[in-house]
Amino acid sequence: MKEIITKAIVIRSVLYKDNDKILTLLTPQYGKISANLKGANKPQAKLKFAGQLFCFAEFNIVFYGQNGTVKTASEIESFFDISKDFKKLSIGSAILEISDKTTKDGENCYSFFLNTLKALQALVYSQTNPKLVLAKFMLESFKFSGYGLYLDKCKSCGAKFNSNIFLNIETGAFVCSLCKSQECMPVSLGAFNVLKVLNNTEYENLKSISVHEHHLDEVLVILNANFTGKFEIILKSLKNL
């Protein structure tokens, strides 16, 4: 038996039997952890809050072999307000799904954890367009996964971009019209410029960015296509946006 105390964000919560929940916790030092929260679905459960998605808390977890059980939890932030707004809830769900797909069990993932925490805080506490928060979060997730986007020049020939820009869906590289292939999708100059600005803007400064909604929607299509190409995973939560 071993016991750990760690800060964590609940990124997945599944009802187990009648009253328990199986939690997937994103932690900074242990990566993802699966833990049973016993009695979480009972009306008067003391740790009911710890079984809710988006909950950020300090968890005391006991392991019997590979199976973890939450012993105690102390809430740090609930991010409950995300659930009050459908758009924020959809964006928040996408953030949790991406966090789940891009991190591993048992591996230090401090950068991923901090990125998720900053994105959720931006959703709740800032006046930023939620789609901008998601786009920033996805860009940062690519960086921490080793797939940061190269936005300066054509990745193939090194030429500076004009108005003709394409994304190679298989490689995730932006290329010029001379280097495009059948696997490429066109990218508008407006959307490309939004990507460049977002790539160099911190979360706390996102609210200062002015962007047309159609360019932002295109950015999310581009990032989703890139995510699918890199991780071979289709993000279910983005279908709600």
C-alpha atoms as a PDB file:
ATOM      1  CA  MET A   1       0.000   0.000   0.000  1.00  0.00           C
ATOM      2  CA  LYS A   2       1.186   3.521  -0.778  1.00  0.00           C
ATOM      3  CA  GLU A   3      -0.374   6.912  -0.161  1.00  0.00           C
ATOM      4  CA  ILE A   4       0.127  10.181  -2.029  1.00  0.00           C
ATOM      5  CA  ILE A   5      -1.077  13.755  -1.648  1.00  0.00           C
ATOM      6  CA  THR A   6      -1.319  15.754  -4.849  1.00  0.00           C
ATOM      7  CA  LYS A   7      -3.112  18.630  -6.458  1.00  0.00           C
ATOM      8  CA  ALA A   8      -5.283  17.473  -9.347  1.00  0.00           C
ATOM      9  CA  ILE A   9      -8.008  18.461 -11.790  1.00  0.00           C
ATOM     10  CA  VAL A  10     -10.898  16.071 -12.394  1.00  0.00           C
ATOM     11  CA  ILE A  11     -10.861  15.546 -16.167  1.00  0.00           C
ATOM     12  CA  ARG A  12     -13.186  12.535 -16.271  1.00  0.00           C
ATOM     13  CA  SER A  13     -15.827  11.207 -13.873  1.00  0.00           C
ATOM     14  CA  VAL A  14     -17.773   7.992 -14.476  1.00  0.00           C
ATOM     15  CA  LEU A  15     -20.519   6.561 -12.271  1.00  0.00           C
ATOM     16  CA  TYR A  16     -19.521   3.168 -10.867  1.00  0.00           C
ATOM     17  CA  LYS A  17     -22.045   0.756  -9.374  1.00  0.00           C
ATOM     18  CA  ASP A  18     -24.743   2.818  -7.604  1.00  0.00           C
ATOM     19  CA  ASN A  19     -22.925   5.441  -5.589  1.00  0.00           C
ATOM     20  CA  ASP A  20     -19.219   5.395  -6.460  1.00  0.00           C
ATOM     21  CA  LYS A  21     -17.366   7.290  -9.167  1.00  0.00           C
ATOM     22  CA  ILE A  22     -14.194   6.431 -11.022  1.00  0.00           C
ATOM     23  CA  LEU A  23     -12.192   9.623 -11.458  1.00  0.00           C
ATOM     24  CA  THR A  24      -9.449  10.428 -13.921  1.00  0.00           C
ATOM     25  CA  LEU A  25      -7.255  13.014 -12.247  1.00  0.00           C
ATOM     26  CA  LEU A  26      -4.694  15.178 -14.024  1.00  0.00           C
ATOM     27  CA  THR A  27      -1.781  15.832 -11.682  1.00  0.00           C
ATOM     28  CA  PRO A  28       1.419  17.836 -12.210  1.00  0.00           C
ATOM     29  CA  GLN A  29       3.880  15.181 -11.034  1.00  0.00           C
ATOM     30  CA  TYR A  30       2.121  11.837 -11.567  1.00  0.00           C
ATOM     31  CA  GLY A  31       0.393  12.426 -14.891  1.00  0.00           C
ATOM     32  CA  LYS A  32      -3.066  10.890 -15.026  1.00  0.00           C
ATOM     33  CA  ILE A  33      -4.316   8.892 -12.063  1.00  0.00           C
ATOM     34  CA  SER A  34      -7.428   6.738 -11.884  1.00  0.00           C
ATOM     35  CA  ALA A  35      -9.059   6.667  -8.461  1.00  0.00           C
ATOM     36  CA  ASN A  36     -12.299   5.415  -6.935  1.00  0.00           C
ATOM     37  CA  LEU A  37     -14.352   8.008  -5.047  1.00  0.00           C
ATOM     38  CA  LYS A  38     -16.600   5.915  -2.830  1.00  0.00           C
ATOM     39  CA  GLY A  39     -20.119   7.113  -2.035  1.00  0.00           C
ATOM     40  CA  ALA A  40     -19.690  10.205  -4.231  1.00  0.00           C
ATOM     41  CA  ASN A  41     -23.182   9.908  -5.687  1.00  0.00           C
ATOM     42  CA  LYS A  42     -24.991   9.839  -2.347  1.00  0.00           C
ATOM     43  CA  PRO A  43     -27.023  13.028  -1.684  1.00  0.00           C
ATOM     44  CA  GLN A  44     -25.166  13.939   1.519  1.00  0.00           C
ATOM     45  CA  ALA A  45     -21.699  12.753   0.483  1.00  0.00           C
ATOM     46  CA  LYS A  46     -18.979  14.913   2.083  1.00  0.00           C
ATOM     47  CA  LEU A  47     -16.718  14.536  -0.959  1.00  0.00           C
ATOM     48  CA  LYS A  48     -19.454  14.975  -3.552  1.00  0.00           C
ATOM     49  CA  PHE A  49     -17.641  18.071  -4.918  1.00  0.00           C
ATOM     50  CA  ALA A  50     -14.565  15.963  -5.665  1.00  0.00           C
ATOM     51  CA  GLY A  51     -16.488  13.861  -8.163  1.00  0.00           C
ATOM     52  CA  GLN A  52     -17.468  16.804 -10.352  1.00  0.00           C
ATOM     53  CA  LEU A  53     -15.754  17.591 -13.644  1.00  0.00           C
ATOM     54  CA  PHE A  54     -13.443  20.638 -13.523  1.00  0.00           C
ATOM     55  CA  CYS A  55     -12.914  20.292  -9.760  1.00  0.00           C
ATOM     56  CA  PHE A  56      -9.428  21.444  -8.764  1.00  0.00           C
ATOM     57  CA  ALA A  57      -8.485  20.063  -5.359  1.00  0.00           C
ATOM     58  CA  GLU A  58      -5.772  18.533  -3.235  1.00  0.00           C
ATOM     59  CA  PHE A  59      -6.377  14.788  -3.130  1.00  0.00           C
ATOM     60  CA  ASN A  60      -5.144  12.233  -0.637  1.00  0.00           C
ATOM     61  CA  ILE A  61      -5.102   8.911  -2.526  1.00  0.00           C
ATOM     62  CA  VAL A  62      -4.383   5.444  -1.183  1.00  0.00           C
ATOM     63  CA  PHE A  63      -3.211   2.724  -3.583  1.00  0.00           C
ATOM     64  CA  TYR A  64      -3.753  -0.972  -3.045  1.00  0.00           C
ATOM     65  CA  GLY A  65      -1.692  -2.386  -5.898  1.00  0.00           C
ATOM     66  CA  GLN A  66      -2.638  -0.442  -9.037  1.00  0.00           C
ATOM     67  CA  ASN A  67      -6.035   0.647  -7.733  1.00  0.00           C
ATOM     68  CA  GLY A  68      -6.339   4.090  -6.187  1.00  0.00           C
ATOM     69  CA  THR A  69      -9.008   5.234  -3.741  1.00  0.00           C
ATOM     70  CA  VAL A  70      -9.623   8.827  -2.703  1.00  0.00           C
ATOM     71  CA  LYS A  71      -9.193   9.059   1.067  1.00  0.00           C
ATOM     72  CA  THR A  72      -9.785  12.791   1.487  1.00  0.00           C
ATOM     73  CA  ALA A  73      -9.936  15.878  -0.722  1.00  0.00           C
ATOM     74  CA  SER A  74      -9.739  19.613  -0.103  1.00  0.00           C
ATOM     75  CA  GLU A  75     -11.223  21.876  -2.778  1.00  0.00           C
ATOM     76  CA  ILE A  76      -9.053  24.645  -4.217  1.00  0.00           C
ATOM     77  CA  GLU A  77     -11.310  25.842  -7.076  1.00  0.00           C
ATOM     78  CA  SER A  78     -14.535  24.311  -8.354  1.00  0.00           C
ATOM     79  CA  PHE A  79     -14.852  26.135 -11.709  1.00  0.00           C
ATOM     80  CA  PHE A  80     -18.580  25.458 -11.232  1.00  0.00           C
ATOM     81  CA  ASP A  81     -19.551  28.541 -13.252  1.00  0.00           C
ATOM     82  CA  ILE A  82     -18.382  26.801 -16.434  1.00  0.00           C
ATOM     83  CA  SER A  83     -21.470  24.568 -16.248  1.00  0.00           C
ATOM     84  CA  LYS A  84     -23.825  27.586 -16.184  1.00  0.00           C
ATOM     85  CA  ASP A  85     -22.989  28.643 -19.752  1.00  0.00           C
ATOM     86  CA  PHE A  86     -23.488  26.174 -22.626  1.00  0.00           C
ATOM     87  CA  LYS A  87     -20.673  27.604 -24.760  1.00  0.00           C
ATOM     88  CA  LYS A  88     -18.229  27.608 -21.854  1.00  0.00           C
ATOM     89  CA  LEU A  89     -19.308  24.097 -20.913  1.00  0.00           C
ATOM     90  CA  SER A  90     -18.663  22.898 -24.483  1.00  0.00           C
ATOM     91  CA  ILE A  91     -15.260  24.600 -24.541  1.00  0.00           C
ATOM     92  CA  GLY A  92     -14.412  23.307 -21.065  1.00  0.00           C
ATOM     93  CA  SER A  93     -15.361  19.766 -22.070  1.00  0.00           C
ATOM     94  CA  ALA A  94     -13.078  20.038 -25.092  1.00  0.00           C
ATOM     95  CA  ILE A  95     -10.212  21.205 -22.852  1.00  0.00           C
ATOM     96  CA  LEU A  96     -10.679  18.214 -20.552  1.00  0.00           C
ATOM     97  CA  GLU A  97     -10.882  15.785 -23.472  1.00  0.00           C
ATOM     98  CA  ILE A  98      -7.685  17.162 -25.018  1.00  0.00           C
ATOM     99  CA  SER A  99      -5.946  16.979 -21.619  1.00  0.00           C
ATOM    100  CA  ASP A 100      -6.997  13.348 -21.368  1.00  0.00           C
ATOM    101  CA  LYS A 101      -5.809  12.460 -24.880  1.00  0.00           C
ATOM    102  CA  THR A 102      -2.434  14.222 -24.722  1.00  0.00           C
ATOM    103  CA  THR A 103      -1.190  13.054 -21.297  1.00  0.00           C
ATOM    104  CA  LYS A 104      -0.097   9.674 -19.977  1.00  0.00           C
ATOM    105  CA  ASP A 105      -0.480   7.742 -16.762  1.00  0.00           C
ATOM    106  CA  GLY A 106       2.342   8.032 -14.288  1.00  0.00           C
ATOM    107  CA  GLU A 107       4.440  10.610 -16.163  1.00  0.00           C
ATOM    108  CA  ASN A 108       5.372  14.101 -14.964  1.00  0.00           C
ATOM    109  CA  CYS A 109       3.217  16.527 -16.921  1.00  0.00           C
ATOM    110  CA  TYR A 110       3.552  19.825 -15.088  1.00  0.00           C
ATOM    111  CA  SER A 111       3.333  21.890 -18.312  1.00  0.00           C
ATOM    112  CA  PHE A 112       0.142  20.118 -19.428  1.00  0.00           C
ATOM    113  CA  PHE A 113      -1.376  20.497 -15.959  1.00  0.00           C
ATOM    114  CA  LEU A 114      -0.567  24.212 -15.786  1.00  0.00           C
ATOM    115  CA  ASN A 115      -1.894  24.752 -19.317  1.00  0.00           C
ATOM    116  CA  THR A 116      -5.206  23.112 -18.377  1.00  0.00           C
ATOM    117  CA  LEU A 117      -5.466  25.116 -15.165  1.00  0.00           C
ATOM    118  CA  LYS A 118      -4.755  28.433 -16.937  1.00  0.00           C
ATOM    119  CA  ALA A 119      -7.332  27.661 -19.628  1.00  0.00           C
ATOM    120  CA  LEU A 120     -10.061  26.858 -17.078  1.00  0.00           C
ATOM    121  CA  GLN A 121      -9.242  30.007 -15.098  1.00  0.00           C
ATOM    122  CA  ALA A 122      -9.454  32.090 -18.284  1.00  0.00           C
ATOM    123  CA  LEU A 123     -12.862  30.569 -19.055  1.00  0.00           C
ATOM    124  CA  VAL A 124     -14.258  31.449 -15.627  1.00  0.00           C
ATOM    125  CA  TYR A 125     -12.581  34.691 -14.639  1.00  0.00           C
ATOM    126  CA  SER A 126     -11.820  36.624 -17.830  1.00  0.00           C
ATOM    127  CA  GLN A 127     -14.065  38.260 -20.421  1.00  0.00           C
ATOM    128  CA  THR A 128     -12.222  36.455 -23.222  1.00  0.00           C
ATOM    129  CA  ASN A 129     -14.118  34.782 -26.060  1.00  0.00           C
ATOM    130  CA  PRO A 130     -14.213  31.094 -24.971  1.00  0.00           C
ATOM    131  CA  LYS A 131     -13.172  29.981 -28.463  1.00  0.00           C
ATOM    132  CA  LEU A 132      -9.984  32.055 -28.155  1.00  0.00           C
ATOM    133  CA  VAL A 133      -9.218  30.251 -24.902  1.00  0.00           C
ATOM    134  CA  LEU A 134      -9.670  26.865 -26.582  1.00  0.00           C
ATOM    135  CA  ALA A 135      -7.503  27.844 -29.561  1.00  0.00           C
ATOM    136  CA  LYS A 136      -4.731  29.047 -27.223  1.00  0.00           C
ATOM    137  CA  PHE A 137      -5.027  25.861 -25.180  1.00  0.00           C
ATOM    138  CA  MET A 138      -4.695  23.668 -28.276  1.00  0.00           C
ATOM    139  CA  LEU A 139      -1.657  25.609 -29.515  1.00  0.00           C
ATOM    140  CA  GLU A 140       0.048  25.160 -26.150  1.00  0.00           C
ATOM    141  CA  SER A 141      -0.880  21.463 -26.089  1.00  0.00           C
ATOM    142  CA  PHE A 142       0.849  20.992 -29.437  1.00  0.00           C
ATOM    143  CA  LYS A 143       3.992  22.673 -28.066  1.00  0.00           C
ATOM    144  CA  PHE A 144       4.156  20.478 -24.977  1.00  0.00           C
ATOM    145  CA  SER A 145       3.579  17.350 -27.100  1.00  0.00           C
ATOM    146  CA  GLY A 146       6.521  18.241 -29.327  1.00  0.00           C
ATOM    147  CA  TYR A 147       4.323  19.323 -32.242  1.00  0.00           C
ATOM    148  CA  GLY A 148       4.520  23.107 -31.956  1.00  0.00           C
ATOM    149  CA  LEU A 149       3.302  24.851 -35.100  1.00  0.00           C
ATOM    150  CA  TYR A 150       5.909  26.458 -37.353  1.00  0.00           C
ATOM    151  CA  LEU A 151       4.294  29.701 -38.498  1.00  0.00           C
ATOM    152  CA  ASP A 152       7.163  31.789 -39.852  1.00  0.00           C
ATOM    153  CA  LYS A 153       7.721  30.392 -43.338  1.00  0.00           C
ATOM    154  CA  CYS A 154       6.761  27.524 -45.623  1.00  0.00           C
ATOM    155  CA  LYS A 155       7.938  24.403 -43.808  1.00  0.00           C
ATOM    156  CA  SER A 156       8.957  22.763 -47.086  1.00  0.00           C
ATOM    157  CA  CYS A 157      10.836  25.439 -49.061  1.00  0.00           C
ATOM    158  CA  GLY A 158      11.325  28.225 -46.532  1.00  0.00           C
ATOM    159  CA  ALA A 159       9.561  30.861 -48.626  1.00  0.00           C
ATOM    160  CA  LYS A 160       7.684  33.683 -46.914  1.00  0.00           C
ATOM    161  CA  PHE A 161       3.936  33.352 -47.054  1.00  0.00           C
ATOM    162  CA  ASN A 162       1.716  35.545 -49.183  1.00  0.00           C
ATOM    163  CA  SER A 163      -2.048  35.095 -49.380  1.00  0.00           C
ATOM    164  CA  ASN A 164      -1.785  31.443 -50.484  1.00  0.00           C
ATOM    165  CA  ILE A 165      -1.288  29.279 -47.389  1.00  0.00           C
ATOM    166  CA  PHE A 166      -2.077  25.592 -46.938  1.00  0.00           C
ATOM    167  CA  LEU A 167      -2.046  23.111 -44.067  1.00  0.00           C
ATOM    168  CA  ASN A 168      -0.728  19.629 -44.745  1.00  0.00           C
ATOM    169  CA  ILE A 169      -3.152  17.565 -42.675  1.00  0.00           C
ATOM    170  CA  GLU A 170      -0.825  14.547 -42.537  1.00  0.00           C
ATOM    171  CA  THR A 171       2.258  16.417 -41.301  1.00  0.00           C
ATOM    172  CA  GLY A 172       0.673  19.440 -39.608  1.00  0.00           C
ATOM    173  CA  ALA A 173       2.977  21.761 -41.566  1.00  0.00           C
ATOM    174  CA  PHE A 174       1.961  25.040 -43.184  1.00  0.00           C
ATOM    175  CA  VAL A 175       3.177  25.246 -46.759  1.00  0.00           C
ATOM    176  CA  CYS A 176       2.981  27.602 -49.734  1.00  0.00           C
ATOM    177  CA  SER A 177       1.058  27.037 -52.967  1.00  0.00           C
ATOM    178  CA  LEU A 178       4.156  25.625 -54.702  1.00  0.00           C
ATOM    179  CA  CYS A 179       4.620  22.978 -52.017  1.00  0.00           C
ATOM    180  CA  LYS A 180       0.993  21.969 -51.461  1.00  0.00           C
ATOM    181  CA  SER A 181      -0.167  18.414 -52.063  1.00  0.00           C
ATOM    182  CA  GLN A 182      -3.471  16.564 -52.172  1.00  0.00           C
ATOM    183  CA  GLU A 183      -3.372  16.235 -48.388  1.00  0.00           C
ATOM    184  CA  CYS A 184      -3.454  20.029 -47.945  1.00  0.00           C
ATOM    185  CA  MET A 185      -6.349  22.277 -46.968  1.00  0.00           C
ATOM    186  CA  PRO A 186      -6.401  26.021 -47.730  1.00  0.00           C
ATOM    187  CA  VAL A 187      -5.921  28.479 -44.877  1.00  0.00           C
ATOM    188  CA  SER A 188      -7.084  32.077 -45.103  1.00  0.00           C
ATOM    189  CA  LEU A 189      -4.584  34.830 -44.345  1.00  0.00           C
ATOM    190  CA  GLY A 190      -6.922  36.134 -41.632  1.00  0.00           C
ATOM    191  CA  ALA A 191      -7.022  32.796 -39.791  1.00  0.00           C
ATOM    192  CA  PHE A 192      -3.281  32.334 -40.193  1.00  0.00           C
ATOM    193  CA  ASN A 193      -2.617  35.747 -38.652  1.00  0.00           C
ATOM    194  CA  VAL A 194      -4.872  34.870 -35.711  1.00  0.00           C
ATOM    195  CA  LEU A 195      -2.784  31.730 -35.154  1.00  0.00           C
ATOM    196  CA  LYS A 196       0.421  33.769 -35.163  1.00  0.00           C
ATOM    197  CA  VAL A 197      -0.945  36.281 -32.657  1.00  0.00           C
ATOM    198  CA  LEU A 198      -2.356  33.575 -30.384  1.00  0.00           C
ATOM    199  CA  ASN A 199       0.906  31.666 -30.455  1.00  0.00           C
ATOM    200  CA  ASN A 200       2.696  34.632 -28.859  1.00  0.00           C
ATOM    201  CA  THR A 201      -0.010  35.823 -26.453  1.00  0.00           C
ATOM    202  CA  GLU A 202      -0.306  34.760 -22.815  1.00  0.00           C
ATOM    203  CA  TYR A 203      -3.664  33.696 -21.384  1.00  0.00           C
ATOM    204  CA  GLU A 204      -4.027  36.855 -19.316  1.00  0.00           C
ATOM    205  CA  ASN A 205      -3.711  39.004 -22.462  1.00  0.00           C
ATOM    206  CA  LEU A 206      -6.160  37.094 -24.668  1.00  0.00           C
ATOM    207  CA  LYS A 207      -8.960  39.569 -23.954  1.00  0.00           C
ATOM    208  CA  SER A 208      -6.990  42.239 -25.824  1.00  0.00           C
ATOM    209  CA  ILE A 209      -7.176  40.280 -29.099  1.00  0.00           C
ATOM    210  CA  SER A 210      -9.816  41.442 -31.585  1.00  0.00           C
ATOM    211  CA  VAL A 211     -10.764  38.790 -34.125  1.00  0.00           C
ATOM    212  CA  HIS A 212     -13.606  38.117 -36.552  1.00  0.00           C
ATOM    213  CA  GLU A 213     -15.735  35.156 -35.481  1.00  0.00           C
ATOM    214  CA  HIS A 214     -15.424  33.426 -38.872  1.00  0.00           C
ATOM    215  CA  HIS A 215     -11.621  33.573 -38.645  1.00  0.00           C
ATOM    216  CA  LEU A 216     -11.766  32.122 -35.152  1.00  0.00           C
ATOM    217  CA  ASP A 217     -14.054  29.309 -36.310  1.00  0.00           C
ATOM    218  CA  GLU A 218     -11.595  28.568 -39.117  1.00  0.00           C
ATOM    219  CA  VAL A 219      -8.719  28.493 -36.625  1.00  0.00           C
ATOM    220  CA  LEU A 220     -10.528  25.828 -34.592  1.00  0.00           C
ATOM    221  CA  VAL A 221     -11.147  23.771 -37.744  1.00  0.00           C
ATOM    222  CA  ILE A 222      -7.426  24.022 -38.572  1.00  0.00           C
ATOM    223  CA  LEU A 223      -6.326  23.049 -35.054  1.00  0.00           C
ATOM    224  CA  ASN A 224      -8.819  20.191 -34.906  1.00  0.00           C
ATOM    225  CA  ALA A 225      -7.575  18.849 -38.250  1.00  0.00           C
ATOM    226  CA  ASN A 226      -4.001  19.146 -36.999  1.00  0.00           C
ATOM    227  CA  PHE A 227      -4.892  17.355 -33.764  1.00  0.00           C
ATOM    228  CA  THR A 228      -6.499  14.494 -35.666  1.00  0.00           C
ATOM    229  CA  GLY A 229      -3.481  14.225 -37.955  1.00  0.00           C
ATOM    230  CA  LYS A 230      -0.964  14.244 -35.097  1.00  0.00           C
ATOM    231  CA  PHE A 231      -2.734  12.041 -32.540  1.00  0.00           C
ATOM    232  CA  GLU A 232      -5.060  10.049 -34.844  1.00  0.00           C
ATOM    233  CA  ILE A 233      -7.947  10.902 -32.517  1.00  0.00           C
ATOM    234  CA  ILE A 234     -11.246  12.587 -33.331  1.00  0.00           C
ATOM    235  CA  LEU A 235     -12.276  15.015 -30.589  1.00  0.00           C
ATOM    236  CA  LYS A 236     -15.938  14.259 -29.813  1.00  0.00           C
ATOM    237  CA  SER A 237     -16.437  17.396 -27.736  1.00  0.00           C
ATOM    238  CA  LEU A 238     -15.638  19.739 -30.652  1.00  0.00           C
ATOM    239  CA  LYS A 239     -18.746  18.532 -32.483  1.00  0.00           C
ATOM    240  CA  ASN A 240     -20.811  20.655 -30.069  1.00  0.00           C
ATOM    241  CA  LEU A 241     -19.114  23.931 -31.059  1.00  0.00           C
END
